Amino acid sequence: GIMRTREFVMKDMYSFSRNISEHESLYEKIKQAYTEIFNQLGLGDI
């Protein structure tokens, strides 16, 4: 169905950092943000 299509809208974000530690800090923040998103969308438990 709409879960795998040939044309779709994506939210794509790109991070640009000076070094690995700065990147890893951003990466973890975004990982937590994603967790919060799926909690809000009613999918957090699964």
PDB file of all heavy atoms in Angstrom:
ATOM      1  N   GLY A   1       0.810  -1.205   0.000  1.00  0.00           N
ATOM      2  CA  GLY A   1       0.000   0.000   0.000  1.00  0.00           C
ATOM      3  C   GLY A   1       0.845   1.257   0.000  1.00  0.00           C
ATOM      4  O   GLY A   1       1.783   1.392  -0.778  1.00  0.00           O
ATOM      5  N   ILE A   2       0.526   2.193   0.905  1.00  0.00           N
ATOM      6  CA  ILE A   2       1.275   3.451   0.950  1.00  0.00           C
ATOM      7  C   ILE A   2       2.571   3.318   1.735  1.00  0.00           C
ATOM      8  O   ILE A   2       3.299   4.297   1.893  1.00  0.00           O
ATOM      9  CB  ILE A   2       0.426   4.603   1.536  1.00  0.00           C
ATOM     10  CG1 ILE A   2       0.087   4.362   3.012  1.00  0.00           C
ATOM     11  CG2 ILE A   2      -0.838   4.809   0.723  1.00  0.00           C
ATOM     12  CD1 ILE A   2      -0.510   5.578   3.702  1.00  0.00           C
ATOM     13  N   MET A   3       2.889   2.098   2.177  1.00  0.00           N
ATOM     14  CA  MET A   3       4.117   1.900   2.951  1.00  0.00           C
ATOM     15  C   MET A   3       5.351   1.733   2.068  1.00  0.00           C
ATOM     16  O   MET A   3       6.480   1.894   2.542  1.00  0.00           O
ATOM     17  CB  MET A   3       3.955   0.685   3.879  1.00  0.00           C
ATOM     18  CG  MET A   3       2.920   0.906   4.973  1.00  0.00           C
ATOM     19  SD  MET A   3       2.481  -0.614   5.842  1.00  0.00           S
ATOM     20  CE  MET A   3       4.034  -1.052   6.625  1.00  0.00           C
ATOM     21  N   ARG A   4       5.171   1.373   0.807  1.00  0.00           N
ATOM     22  CA  ARG A   4       6.302   1.291  -0.123  1.00  0.00           C
ATOM     23  C   ARG A   4       5.807   1.699  -1.502  1.00  0.00           C
ATOM     24  O   ARG A   4       5.138   0.923  -2.176  1.00  0.00           O
ATOM     25  CB  ARG A   4       6.921  -0.107  -0.158  1.00  0.00           C
ATOM     26  CG  ARG A   4       8.112  -0.207  -1.132  1.00  0.00           C
ATOM     27  CD  ARG A   4       8.758  -1.562  -1.110  1.00  0.00           C
ATOM     28  NE  ARG A   4       9.473  -1.796   0.126  1.00  0.00           N
ATOM     29  CZ  ARG A   4      10.708  -1.342   0.378  1.00  0.00           C
ATOM     30  NH1 ARG A   4      11.344  -0.619  -0.514  1.00  0.00           N
ATOM     31  NH2 ARG A   4      11.295  -1.606   1.520  1.00  0.00           N
ATOM     32  N   THR A   5       6.154   2.911  -1.902  1.00  0.00           N
ATOM     33  CA  THR A   5       5.634   3.455  -3.158  1.00  0.00           C
ATOM     34  C   THR A   5       6.773   3.992  -4.020  1.00  0.00           C
ATOM     35  O   THR A   5       7.905   4.129  -3.572  1.00  0.00           O
ATOM     36  CB  THR A   5       4.629   4.579  -2.875  1.00  0.00           C
ATOM     37  OG1 THR A   5       5.241   5.569  -2.039  1.00  0.00           O
ATOM     38  CG2 THR A   5       3.392   4.046  -2.183  1.00  0.00           C
ATOM     39  N   ARG A   6       6.441   4.298  -5.241  1.00  0.00           N
ATOM     40  CA  ARG A   6       7.445   4.796  -6.189  1.00  0.00           C
ATOM     41  C   ARG A   6       7.585   6.326  -6.120  1.00  0.00           C
ATOM     42  O   ARG A   6       8.582   6.871  -6.587  1.00  0.00           O
ATOM     43  CB  ARG A   6       7.076   4.369  -7.611  1.00  0.00           C
ATOM     44  CG  ARG A   6       7.138   2.860  -7.823  1.00  0.00           C
ATOM     45  CD  ARG A   6       6.872   2.478  -9.273  1.00  0.00           C
ATOM     46  NE  ARG A   6       7.155   1.074  -9.504  1.00  0.00           N
ATOM     47  CZ  ARG A   6       6.236   0.117  -9.565  1.00  0.00           C
ATOM     48  NH1 ARG A   6       4.953   0.427  -9.399  1.00  0.00           N
ATOM     49  NH2 ARG A   6       6.572  -1.142  -9.785  1.00  0.00           N
ATOM     50  N   GLU A   7       6.583   6.975  -5.571  1.00  0.00           N
ATOM     51  CA  GLU A   7       6.619   8.427  -5.394  1.00  0.00           C
ATOM     52  C   GLU A   7       6.109   8.725  -3.997  1.00  0.00           C
ATOM     53  O   GLU A   7       5.037   8.264  -3.612  1.00  0.00           O
ATOM     54  CB  GLU A   7       5.734   9.123  -6.434  1.00  0.00           C
ATOM     55  CG  GLU A   7       5.640  10.627  -6.251  1.00  0.00           C
ATOM     56  CD  GLU A   7       4.615  11.268  -7.178  1.00  0.00           C
ATOM     57  OE1 GLU A   7       4.147  10.579  -8.112  1.00  0.00           O
ATOM     58  OE2 GLU A   7       4.299  12.446  -6.964  1.00  0.00           O
ATOM     59  N   PHE A   8       6.874   9.480  -3.212  1.00  0.00           N
ATOM     60  CA  PHE A   8       6.473   9.729  -1.828  1.00  0.00           C
ATOM     61  C   PHE A   8       7.200  10.952  -1.289  1.00  0.00           C
ATOM     62  O   PHE A   8       8.248  11.353  -1.803  1.00  0.00           O
ATOM     63  CB  PHE A   8       6.801   8.521  -0.942  1.00  0.00           C
ATOM     64  CG  PHE A   8       8.261   8.150  -0.927  1.00  0.00           C
ATOM     65  CD1 PHE A   8       9.114   8.614   0.062  1.00  0.00           C
ATOM     66  CD2 PHE A   8       8.790   7.331  -1.925  1.00  0.00           C
ATOM     67  CE1 PHE A   8      10.458   8.277   0.059  1.00  0.00           C
ATOM     68  CE2 PHE A   8      10.134   6.987  -1.933  1.00  0.00           C
ATOM     69  CZ  PHE A   8      10.978   7.467  -0.933  1.00  0.00           C
ATOM     70  N   VAL A   9       6.621  11.536  -0.256  1.00  0.00           N
ATOM     71  CA  VAL A   9       7.276  12.646   0.441  1.00  0.00           C
ATOM     72  C   VAL A   9       8.115  12.079   1.572  1.00  0.00           C
ATOM     73  O   VAL A   9       7.654  11.219   2.329  1.00  0.00           O
ATOM     74  CB  VAL A   9       6.243  13.646   0.984  1.00  0.00           C
ATOM     75  CG1 VAL A   9       6.915  14.687   1.895  1.00  0.00           C
ATOM     76  CG2 VAL A   9       5.535  14.345  -0.167  1.00  0.00           C
ATOM     77  N   MET A  10       9.344  12.555   1.677  1.00  0.00           N
ATOM     78  CA  MET A  10      10.212  12.167   2.776  1.00  0.00           C
ATOM     79  C   MET A  10      10.648  13.398   3.555  1.00  0.00           C
ATOM     80  O   MET A  10      10.887  14.452   2.974  1.00  0.00           O
ATOM     81  CB  MET A  10      11.467  11.438   2.274  1.00  0.00           C
ATOM     82  CG  MET A  10      12.415  11.036   3.408  1.00  0.00           C
ATOM     83  SD  MET A  10      13.997  10.378   2.822  1.00  0.00           S
ATOM     84  CE  MET A  10      13.471   8.752   2.292  1.00  0.00           C
ATOM     85  N   LYS A  11      10.712  13.232   4.874  1.00  0.00           N
ATOM     86  CA  LYS A  11      11.420  14.216   5.674  1.00  0.00           C
ATOM     87  C   LYS A  11      12.857  13.737   5.736  1.00  0.00           C
ATOM     88  O   LYS A  11      13.146  12.709   6.343  1.00  0.00           O
ATOM     89  CB  LYS A  11      10.821  14.321   7.077  1.00  0.00           C
ATOM     90  CG  LYS A  11      11.398  15.464   7.938  1.00  0.00           C
ATOM     91  CD  LYS A  11      12.828  15.269   8.437  1.00  0.00           C
ATOM     92  CE  LYS A  11      12.969  14.013   9.279  1.00  0.00           C
ATOM     93  NZ  LYS A  11      14.388  13.783   9.686  1.00  0.00           N
ATOM     94  N   ASP A  12      13.756  14.440   5.058  1.00  0.00           N
ATOM     95  CA  ASP A  12      15.168  14.083   5.153  1.00  0.00           C
ATOM     96  C   ASP A  12      15.937  15.259   5.750  1.00  0.00           C
ATOM     97  O   ASP A  12      15.808  16.389   5.305  1.00  0.00           O
ATOM     98  CB  ASP A  12      15.749  13.643   3.805  1.00  0.00           C
ATOM     99  CG  ASP A  12      15.324  14.513   2.629  1.00  0.00           C
ATOM    100  OD1 ASP A  12      14.215  15.061   2.660  1.00  0.00           O
ATOM    101  OD2 ASP A  12      16.109  14.632   1.675  1.00  0.00           O
ATOM    102  N   MET A  13      16.708  14.944   6.787  1.00  0.00           N
ATOM    103  CA  MET A  13      17.538  15.932   7.466  1.00  0.00           C
ATOM    104  C   MET A  13      19.003  15.565   7.270  1.00  0.00           C
ATOM    105  O   MET A  13      19.360  14.376   7.220  1.00  0.00           O
ATOM    106  CB  MET A  13      17.218  15.988   8.957  1.00  0.00           C
ATOM    107  CG  MET A  13      18.154  16.895   9.766  1.00  0.00           C
ATOM    108  SD  MET A  13      17.789  16.893  11.531  1.00  0.00           S
ATOM    109  CE  MET A  13      16.625  18.238  11.598  1.00  0.00           C
ATOM    110  N   TYR A  14      19.853  16.583   7.175  1.00  0.00           N
ATOM    111  CA  TYR A  14      21.289  16.378   6.985  1.00  0.00           C
ATOM    112  C   TYR A  14      22.043  17.233   7.993  1.00  0.00           C
ATOM    113  O   TYR A  14      21.729  18.412   8.180  1.00  0.00           O
ATOM    114  CB  TYR A  14      21.684  16.742   5.551  1.00  0.00           C
ATOM    115  CG  TYR A  14      20.878  15.976   4.532  1.00  0.00           C
ATOM    116  CD1 TYR A  14      19.739  16.534   3.945  1.00  0.00           C
ATOM    117  CD2 TYR A  14      21.204  14.666   4.194  1.00  0.00           C
ATOM    118  CE1 TYR A  14      18.967  15.820   3.036  1.00  0.00           C
ATOM    119  CE2 TYR A  14      20.439  13.946   3.289  1.00  0.00           C
ATOM    120  CZ  TYR A  14      19.323  14.527   2.714  1.00  0.00           C
ATOM    121  OH  TYR A  14      18.560  13.803   1.830  1.00  0.00           O
ATOM    122  N   SER A  15      23.010  16.599   8.649  1.00  0.00           N
ATOM    123  CA  SER A  15      23.818  17.324   9.627  1.00  0.00           C
ATOM    124  C   SER A  15      25.234  17.526   9.084  1.00  0.00           C
ATOM    125  O   SER A  15      25.776  16.678   8.368  1.00  0.00           O
ATOM    126  CB  SER A  15      23.871  16.569  10.961  1.00  0.00           C
ATOM    127  OG  SER A  15      24.531  15.318  10.818  1.00  0.00           O
ATOM    128  N   PHE A  16      25.829  18.671   9.457  1.00  0.00           N
ATOM    129  CA  PHE A  16      27.175  19.047   9.027  1.00  0.00           C
ATOM    130  C   PHE A  16      27.946  19.475  10.271  1.00  0.00           C
ATOM    131  O   PHE A  16      27.564  20.442  10.940  1.00  0.00           O
ATOM    132  CB  PHE A  16      27.100  20.196   8.012  1.00  0.00           C
ATOM    133  CG  PHE A  16      26.250  19.875   6.810  1.00  0.00           C
ATOM    134  CD1 PHE A  16      24.871  20.084   6.838  1.00  0.00           C
ATOM    135  CD2 PHE A  16      26.813  19.334   5.662  1.00  0.00           C
ATOM    136  CE1 PHE A  16      24.076  19.776   5.751  1.00  0.00           C
ATOM    137  CE2 PHE A  16      26.027  19.024   4.563  1.00  0.00           C
ATOM    138  CZ  PHE A  16      24.657  19.242   4.610  1.00  0.00           C
ATOM    139  N   SER A  17      29.004  18.734  10.575  1.00  0.00           N
ATOM    140  CA  SER A  17      29.734  18.957  11.820  1.00  0.00           C
ATOM    141  C   SER A  17      31.219  19.126  11.564  1.00  0.00           C
ATOM    142  O   SER A  17      31.761  18.706  10.532  1.00  0.00           O
ATOM    143  CB  SER A  17      29.520  17.777  12.780  1.00  0.00           C
ATOM    144  OG  SER A  17      28.145  17.589  13.050  1.00  0.00           O
ATOM    145  N   ARG A  18      31.924  19.722  12.569  1.00  0.00           N
ATOM    146  CA  ARG A  18      33.366  19.968  12.448  1.00  0.00           C
ATOM    147  C   ARG A  18      34.187  18.732  12.728  1.00  0.00           C
ATOM    148  O   ARG A  18      35.284  18.572  12.185  1.00  0.00           O
ATOM    149  CB  ARG A  18      33.772  21.087  13.420  1.00  0.00           C
ATOM    150  CG  ARG A  18      33.336  22.465  12.986  1.00  0.00           C
ATOM    151  CD  ARG A  18      33.535  23.490  14.065  1.00  0.00           C
ATOM    152  NE  ARG A  18      32.534  23.329  15.122  1.00  0.00           N
ATOM    153  CZ  ARG A  18      32.215  24.277  15.992  1.00  0.00           C
ATOM    154  NH1 ARG A  18      32.828  25.455  15.960  1.00  0.00           N
ATOM    155  NH2 ARG A  18      31.294  24.057  16.897  1.00  0.00           N
ATOM    156  N   ASN A  19      33.680  17.865  13.606  1.00  0.00           N
ATOM    157  CA  ASN A  19      34.472  16.701  14.001  1.00  0.00           C
ATOM    158  C   ASN A  19      33.536  15.575  14.450  1.00  0.00           C
ATOM    159  O   ASN A  19      32.311  15.759  14.539  1.00  0.00           O
ATOM    160  CB  ASN A  19      35.452  17.063  15.121  1.00  0.00           C
ATOM    161  CG  ASN A  19      34.751  17.792  16.263  1.00  0.00           C
ATOM    162  OD1 ASN A  19      33.784  17.293  16.824  1.00  0.00           O
ATOM    163  ND2 ASN A  19      35.239  18.987  16.592  1.00  0.00           N
ATOM    164  N   ILE A  20      34.138  14.424  14.757  1.00  0.00           N
ATOM    165  CA  ILE A  20      33.357  13.238  15.109  1.00  0.00           C
ATOM    166  C   ILE A  20      32.554  13.454  16.386  1.00  0.00           C
ATOM    167  O   ILE A  20      31.377  13.089  16.460  1.00  0.00           O
ATOM    168  CB  ILE A  20      34.274  12.007  15.264  1.00  0.00           C
ATOM    169  CG1 ILE A  20      34.895  11.620  13.912  1.00  0.00           C
ATOM    170  CG2 ILE A  20      33.489  10.825  15.839  1.00  0.00           C
ATOM    171  CD1 ILE A  20      33.898  11.146  12.887  1.00  0.00           C
ATOM    172  N   SER A  21      33.140  14.047  17.406  1.00  0.00           N
ATOM    173  CA  SER A  21      32.442  14.221  18.671  1.00  0.00           C
ATOM    174  C   SER A  21      31.235  15.143  18.516  1.00  0.00           C
ATOM    175  O   SER A  21      30.169  14.892  19.096  1.00  0.00           O
ATOM    176  CB  SER A  21      33.396  14.750  19.743  1.00  0.00           C
ATOM    177  OG  SER A  21      33.901  16.025  19.392  1.00  0.00           O
ATOM    178  N   GLU A  22      31.406  16.203  17.732  1.00  0.00           N
ATOM    179  CA  GLU A  22      30.288  17.100  17.491  1.00  0.00           C
ATOM    180  C   GLU A  22      29.169  16.377  16.728  1.00  0.00           C
ATOM    181  O   GLU A  22      27.979  16.526  17.044  1.00  0.00           O
ATOM    182  CB  GLU A  22      30.766  18.311  16.699  1.00  0.00           C
ATOM    183  CG  GLU A  22      29.722  19.412  16.538  1.00  0.00           C
ATOM    184  CD  GLU A  22      30.332  20.663  15.906  1.00  0.00           C
ATOM    185  OE1 GLU A  22      30.584  20.623  14.681  1.00  0.00           O
ATOM    186  OE2 GLU A  22      30.565  21.645  16.633  1.00  0.00           O
ATOM    187  N   HIS A  23      29.572  15.586  15.732  1.00  0.00           N
ATOM    188  CA  HIS A  23      28.597  14.811  14.969  1.00  0.00           C
ATOM    189  C   HIS A  23      27.866  13.817  15.868  1.00  0.00           C
ATOM    190  O   HIS A  23      26.627  13.694  15.798  1.00  0.00           O
ATOM    191  CB  HIS A  23      29.279  14.059  13.832  1.00  0.00           C
ATOM    192  CG  HIS A  23      28.430  12.975  13.246  1.00  0.00           C
ATOM    193  ND1 HIS A  23      27.338  13.219  12.449  1.00  0.00           N
ATOM    194  CD2 HIS A  23      28.489  11.611  13.401  1.00  0.00           C
ATOM    195  CE1 HIS A  23      26.771  12.079  12.103  1.00  0.00           C
ATOM    196  NE2 HIS A  23      27.448  11.091  12.665  1.00  0.00           N
ATOM    197  N   GLU A  24      28.598  13.099  16.707  1.00  0.00           N
ATOM    198  CA  GLU A  24      27.972  12.089  17.562  1.00  0.00           C
ATOM    199  C   GLU A  24      26.976  12.706  18.531  1.00  0.00           C
ATOM    200  O   GLU A  24      25.933  12.115  18.837  1.00  0.00           O
ATOM    201  CB  GLU A  24      29.041  11.301  18.316  1.00  0.00           C
ATOM    202  CG  GLU A  24      29.840  10.363  17.408  1.00  0.00           C
ATOM    203  CD  GLU A  24      30.934   9.616  18.144  1.00  0.00           C
ATOM    204  OE1 GLU A  24      31.262  10.024  19.291  1.00  0.00           O
ATOM    205  OE2 GLU A  24      31.467   8.632  17.585  1.00  0.00           O
ATOM    206  N   SER A  25      27.285  13.914  19.006  1.00  0.00           N
ATOM    207  CA  SER A  25      26.357  14.611  19.892  1.00  0.00           C
ATOM    208  C   SER A  25      25.053  14.941  19.160  1.00  0.00           C
ATOM    209  O   SER A  25      23.955  14.713  19.695  1.00  0.00           O
ATOM    210  CB  SER A  25      27.010  15.898  20.416  1.00  0.00           C
ATOM    211  OG  SER A  25      26.102  16.611  21.218  1.00  0.00           O
ATOM    212  N   LEU A  26      25.164  15.446  17.929  1.00  0.00           N
ATOM    213  CA  LEU A  26      23.972  15.733  17.132  1.00  0.00           C
ATOM    214  C   LEU A  26      23.202  14.461  16.823  1.00  0.00           C
ATOM    215  O   LEU A  26      21.961  14.426  16.895  1.00  0.00           O
ATOM    216  CB  LEU A  26      24.369  16.426  15.825  1.00  0.00           C
ATOM    217  CG  LEU A  26      24.747  17.904  15.894  1.00  0.00           C
ATOM    218  CD1 LEU A  26      25.238  18.369  14.525  1.00  0.00           C
ATOM    219  CD2 LEU A  26      23.564  18.748  16.342  1.00  0.00           C
ATOM    220  N   TYR A  27      23.922  13.423  16.463  1.00  0.00           N
ATOM    221  CA  TYR A  27      23.315  12.145  16.100  1.00  0.00           C
ATOM    222  C   TYR A  27      22.451  11.612  17.244  1.00  0.00           C
ATOM    223  O   TYR A  27      21.317  11.162  17.033  1.00  0.00           O
ATOM    224  CB  TYR A  27      24.428  11.154  15.757  1.00  0.00           C
ATOM    225  CG  TYR A  27      23.991   9.850  15.138  1.00  0.00           C
ATOM    226  CD1 TYR A  27      23.917   9.707  13.758  1.00  0.00           C
ATOM    227  CD2 TYR A  27      23.682   8.742  15.923  1.00  0.00           C
ATOM    228  CE1 TYR A  27      23.545   8.499  13.178  1.00  0.00           C
ATOM    229  CE2 TYR A  27      23.298   7.530  15.358  1.00  0.00           C
ATOM    230  CZ  TYR A  27      23.237   7.413  13.983  1.00  0.00           C
ATOM    231  OH  TYR A  27      22.861   6.223  13.408  1.00  0.00           O
ATOM    232  N   GLU A  28      22.969  11.685  18.478  1.00  0.00           N
ATOM    233  CA  GLU A  28      22.223  11.200  19.637  1.00  0.00           C
ATOM    234  C   GLU A  28      20.994  12.061  19.908  1.00  0.00           C
ATOM    235  O   GLU A  28      19.931  11.545  20.277  1.00  0.00           O
ATOM    236  CB  GLU A  28      23.129  11.148  20.868  1.00  0.00           C
ATOM    237  CG  GLU A  28      24.130  10.012  20.845  1.00  0.00           C
ATOM    238  CD  GLU A  28      23.463   8.644  20.695  1.00  0.00           C
ATOM    239  OE1 GLU A  28      22.461   8.388  21.398  1.00  0.00           O
ATOM    240  OE2 GLU A  28      23.926   7.847  19.859  1.00  0.00           O
ATOM    241  N   LYS A  29      21.117  13.368  19.732  1.00  0.00           N
ATOM    242  CA  LYS A  29      19.963  14.253  19.921  1.00  0.00           C
ATOM    243  C   LYS A  29      18.853  13.915  18.929  1.00  0.00           C
ATOM    244  O   LYS A  29      17.676  13.896  19.278  1.00  0.00           O
ATOM    245  CB  LYS A  29      20.378  15.713  19.755  1.00  0.00           C
ATOM    246  CG  LYS A  29      21.185  16.281  20.908  1.00  0.00           C
ATOM    247  CD  LYS A  29      21.542  17.738  20.651  1.00  0.00           C
ATOM    248  CE  LYS A  29      22.384  18.302  21.792  1.00  0.00           C
ATOM    249  NZ  LYS A  29      22.783  19.719  21.519  1.00  0.00           N
ATOM    250  N   ILE A  30      19.241  13.653  17.696  1.00  0.00           N
ATOM    251  CA  ILE A  30      18.242  13.334  16.670  1.00  0.00           C
ATOM    252  C   ILE A  30      17.641  11.957  16.924  1.00  0.00           C
ATOM    253  O   ILE A  30      16.435  11.743  16.716  1.00  0.00           O
ATOM    254  CB  ILE A  30      18.868  13.445  15.264  1.00  0.00           C
ATOM    255  CG1 ILE A  30      19.319  14.892  15.016  1.00  0.00           C
ATOM    256  CG2 ILE A  30      17.875  13.005  14.191  1.00  0.00           C
ATOM    257  CD1 ILE A  30      20.208  15.075  13.829  1.00  0.00           C
ATOM    258  N   LYS A  31      18.451  11.031  17.403  1.00  0.00           N
ATOM    259  CA  LYS A  31      17.933   9.707  17.753  1.00  0.00           C
ATOM    260  C   LYS A  31      16.851   9.826  18.826  1.00  0.00           C
ATOM    261  O   LYS A  31      15.785   9.199  18.740  1.00  0.00           O
ATOM    262  CB  LYS A  31      19.060   8.802  18.246  1.00  0.00           C
ATOM    263  CG  LYS A  31      18.626   7.359  18.487  1.00  0.00           C
ATOM    264  CD  LYS A  31      19.672   6.550  19.216  1.00  0.00           C
ATOM    265  CE  LYS A  31      20.916   6.336  18.393  1.00  0.00           C
ATOM    266  NZ  LYS A  31      21.899   5.463  19.100  1.00  0.00           N
ATOM    267  N   GLN A  32      17.099  10.662  19.825  1.00  0.00           N
ATOM    268  CA  GLN A  32      16.100  10.867  20.879  1.00  0.00           C
ATOM    269  C   GLN A  32      14.870  11.587  20.335  1.00  0.00           C
ATOM    270  O   GLN A  32      13.742  11.317  20.745  1.00  0.00           O
ATOM    271  CB  GLN A  32      16.717  11.649  22.042  1.00  0.00           C
ATOM    272  CG  GLN A  32      17.787  10.887  22.804  1.00  0.00           C
ATOM    273  CD  GLN A  32      17.303   9.532  23.290  1.00  0.00           C
ATOM    274  OE1 GLN A  32      16.237   9.415  23.879  1.00  0.00           O
ATOM    275  NE2 GLN A  32      18.097   8.496  23.015  1.00  0.00           N
ATOM    276  N   ALA A  33      15.089  12.526  19.411  1.00  0.00           N
ATOM    277  CA  ALA A  33      13.961  13.233  18.789  1.00  0.00           C
ATOM    278  C   ALA A  33      13.082  12.260  18.018  1.00  0.00           C
ATOM    279  O   ALA A  33      11.843  12.353  18.052  1.00  0.00           O
ATOM    280  CB  ALA A  33      14.470  14.341  17.871  1.00  0.00           C
ATOM    281  N   TYR A  34      13.696  11.308  17.324  1.00  0.00           N
ATOM    282  CA  TYR A  34      12.927  10.300  16.592  1.00  0.00           C
ATOM    283  C   TYR A  34      12.099   9.446  17.558  1.00  0.00           C
ATOM    284  O   TYR A  34      10.938   9.121  17.287  1.00  0.00           O
ATOM    285  CB  TYR A  34      13.865   9.413  15.770  1.00  0.00           C
ATOM    286  CG  TYR A  34      14.112   9.904  14.368  1.00  0.00           C
ATOM    287  CD1 TYR A  34      14.311  11.253  14.111  1.00  0.00           C
ATOM    288  CD2 TYR A  34      14.142   9.029  13.291  1.00  0.00           C
ATOM    289  CE1 TYR A  34      14.540  11.702  12.819  1.00  0.00           C
ATOM    290  CE2 TYR A  34      14.369   9.470  11.995  1.00  0.00           C
ATOM    291  CZ  TYR A  34      14.566  10.809  11.767  1.00  0.00           C
ATOM    292  OH  TYR A  34      14.782  11.262  10.504  1.00  0.00           O
ATOM    293  N   THR A  35      12.705   9.067  18.667  1.00  0.00           N
ATOM    294  CA  THR A  35      11.973   8.297  19.671  1.00  0.00           C
ATOM    295  C   THR A  35      10.748   9.060  20.146  1.00  0.00           C
ATOM    296  O   THR A  35       9.648   8.497  20.270  1.00  0.00           O
ATOM    297  CB  THR A  35      12.893   7.974  20.863  1.00  0.00           C
ATOM    298  OG1 THR A  35      14.001   7.177  20.412  1.00  0.00           O
ATOM    299  CG2 THR A  35      12.144   7.210  21.946  1.00  0.00           C
ATOM    300  N   GLU A  36      10.910  10.356  20.388  1.00  0.00           N
ATOM    301  CA  GLU A  36       9.794  11.193  20.823  1.00  0.00           C
ATOM    302  C   GLU A  36       8.724  11.295  19.739  1.00  0.00           C
ATOM    303  O   GLU A  36       7.515  11.277  20.028  1.00  0.00           O
ATOM    304  CB  GLU A  36      10.298  12.584  21.197  1.00  0.00           C
ATOM    305  CG  GLU A  36       9.218  13.571  21.617  1.00  0.00           C
ATOM    306  CD  GLU A  36       8.423  13.120  22.828  1.00  0.00           C
ATOM    307  OE1 GLU A  36       8.930  12.301  23.625  1.00  0.00           O
ATOM    308  OE2 GLU A  36       7.267  13.583  22.979  1.00  0.00           O
ATOM    309  N   ILE A  37       9.132  11.400  18.496  1.00  0.00           N
ATOM    310  CA  ILE A  37       8.178  11.474  17.383  1.00  0.00           C
ATOM    311  C   ILE A  37       7.275  10.236  17.369  1.00  0.00           C
ATOM    312  O   ILE A  37       6.045  10.341  17.292  1.00  0.00           O
ATOM    313  CB  ILE A  37       8.912  11.610  16.038  1.00  0.00           C
ATOM    314  CG1 ILE A  37       9.486  13.025  15.888  1.00  0.00           C
ATOM    315  CG2 ILE A  37       7.985  11.287  14.865  1.00  0.00           C
ATOM    316  CD1 ILE A  37      10.490  13.169  14.764  1.00  0.00           C
ATOM    317  N   PHE A  38       7.871   9.061  17.459  1.00  0.00           N
ATOM    318  CA  PHE A  38       7.066   7.843  17.366  1.00  0.00           C
ATOM    319  C   PHE A  38       6.240   7.622  18.625  1.00  0.00           C
ATOM    320  O   PHE A  38       5.150   7.023  18.552  1.00  0.00           O
ATOM    321  CB  PHE A  38       7.954   6.648  17.027  1.00  0.00           C
ATOM    322  CG  PHE A  38       8.590   6.785  15.672  1.00  0.00           C
ATOM    323  CD1 PHE A  38       9.970   6.833  15.516  1.00  0.00           C
ATOM    324  CD2 PHE A  38       7.803   6.927  14.550  1.00  0.00           C
ATOM    325  CE1 PHE A  38      10.552   7.004  14.272  1.00  0.00           C
ATOM    326  CE2 PHE A  38       8.364   7.099  13.293  1.00  0.00           C
ATOM    327  CZ  PHE A  38       9.743   7.135  13.163  1.00  0.00           C
ATOM    328  N   ASN A  39       6.700   8.138  19.764  1.00  0.00           N
ATOM    329  CA  ASN A  39       5.852   8.134  20.960  1.00  0.00           C
ATOM    330  C   ASN A  39       4.594   8.966  20.718  1.00  0.00           C
ATOM    331  O   ASN A  39       3.476   8.549  21.033  1.00  0.00           O
ATOM    332  CB  ASN A  39       6.611   8.690  22.169  1.00  0.00           C
ATOM    333  CG  ASN A  39       7.633   7.723  22.723  1.00  0.00           C
ATOM    334  OD1 ASN A  39       7.547   6.512  22.497  1.00  0.00           O
ATOM    335  ND2 ASN A  39       8.607   8.235  23.449  1.00  0.00           N
ATOM    336  N   GLN A  40       4.785  10.159  20.164  1.00  0.00           N
ATOM    337  CA  GLN A  40       3.651  11.050  19.914  1.00  0.00           C
ATOM    338  C   GLN A  40       2.691  10.503  18.866  1.00  0.00           C
ATOM    339  O   GLN A  40       1.505  10.826  18.883  1.00  0.00           O
ATOM    340  CB  GLN A  40       4.156  12.428  19.479  1.00  0.00           C
ATOM    341  CG  GLN A  40       4.849  13.218  20.563  1.00  0.00           C
ATOM    342  CD  GLN A  40       5.182  14.622  20.101  1.00  0.00           C
ATOM    343  OE1 GLN A  40       4.427  15.264  19.390  1.00  0.00           O
ATOM    344  NE2 GLN A  40       6.346  15.109  20.508  1.00  0.00           N
ATOM    345  N   LEU A  41       3.215   9.682  17.960  1.00  0.00           N
ATOM    346  CA  LEU A  41       2.384   9.131  16.891  1.00  0.00           C
ATOM    347  C   LEU A  41       1.703   7.820  17.284  1.00  0.00           C
ATOM    348  O   LEU A  41       1.092   7.157  16.446  1.00  0.00           O
ATOM    349  CB  LEU A  41       3.226   8.926  15.634  1.00  0.00           C
ATOM    350  CG  LEU A  41       3.759  10.226  15.000  1.00  0.00           C
ATOM    351  CD1 LEU A  41       4.679   9.911  13.828  1.00  0.00           C
ATOM    352  CD2 LEU A  41       2.611  11.116  14.535  1.00  0.00           C
ATOM    353  N   GLY A  42       1.802   7.453  18.554  1.00  0.00           N
ATOM    354  CA  GLY A  42       1.101   6.279  19.048  1.00  0.00           C
ATOM    355  C   GLY A  42       1.786   4.961  18.770  1.00  0.00           C
ATOM    356  O   GLY A  42       1.192   3.896  18.967  1.00  0.00           O
ATOM    357  N   LEU A  43       3.056   5.014  18.341  1.00  0.00           N
ATOM    358  CA  LEU A  43       3.784   3.793  17.978  1.00  0.00           C
ATOM    359  C   LEU A  43       4.920   3.466  18.949  1.00  0.00           C
ATOM    360  O   LEU A  43       5.651   2.498  18.744  1.00  0.00           O
ATOM    361  CB  LEU A  43       4.369   3.933  16.565  1.00  0.00           C
ATOM    362  CG  LEU A  43       3.355   4.092  15.433  1.00  0.00           C
ATOM    363  CD1 LEU A  43       4.075   4.410  14.122  1.00  0.00           C
ATOM    364  CD2 LEU A  43       2.492   2.850  15.275  1.00  0.00           C
ATOM    365  N   GLY A  44       5.064   4.280  20.004  1.00  0.00           N
ATOM    366  CA  GLY A  44       6.224   4.156  20.875  1.00  0.00           C
ATOM    367  C   GLY A  44       6.404   2.787  21.499  1.00  0.00           C
ATOM    368  O   GLY A  44       7.527   2.276  21.596  1.00  0.00           O
ATOM    369  N   ASP A  45       5.313   2.155  21.916  1.00  0.00           N
ATOM    370  CA  ASP A  45       5.417   0.875  22.617  1.00  0.00           C
ATOM    371  C   ASP A  45       5.883  -0.260  21.718  1.00  0.00           C
ATOM    372  O   ASP A  45       6.360  -1.289  22.213  1.00  0.00           O
ATOM    373  CB  ASP A  45       4.056   0.502  23.229  1.00  0.00           C
ATOM    374  CG  ASP A  45       3.678   1.404  24.396  1.00  0.00           C
ATOM    375  OD1 ASP A  45       4.573   2.085  24.924  1.00  0.00           O
ATOM    376  OD2 ASP A  45       2.483   1.428  24.755  1.00  0.00           O
ATOM    377  N   ILE A  46       5.733  -0.098  20.402  1.00  0.00           N
ATOM    378  CA  ILE A  46       6.092  -1.189  19.485  1.00  0.00           C
ATOM    379  C   ILE A  46       7.192  -0.769  18.504  1.00  0.00           C
ATOM    380  O   ILE A  46       7.397  -1.417  17.490  1.00  0.00           O
ATOM    381  CB  ILE A  46       4.857  -1.695  18.714  1.00  0.00           C
ATOM    382  CG1 ILE A  46       4.093  -0.539  18.034  1.00  0.00           C
ATOM    383  CG2 ILE A  46       3.929  -2.469  19.632  1.00  0.00           C
ATOM    384  CD1 ILE A  46       2.941  -0.994  17.153  1.00  0.00           C
TER     385      ILE A  46
END
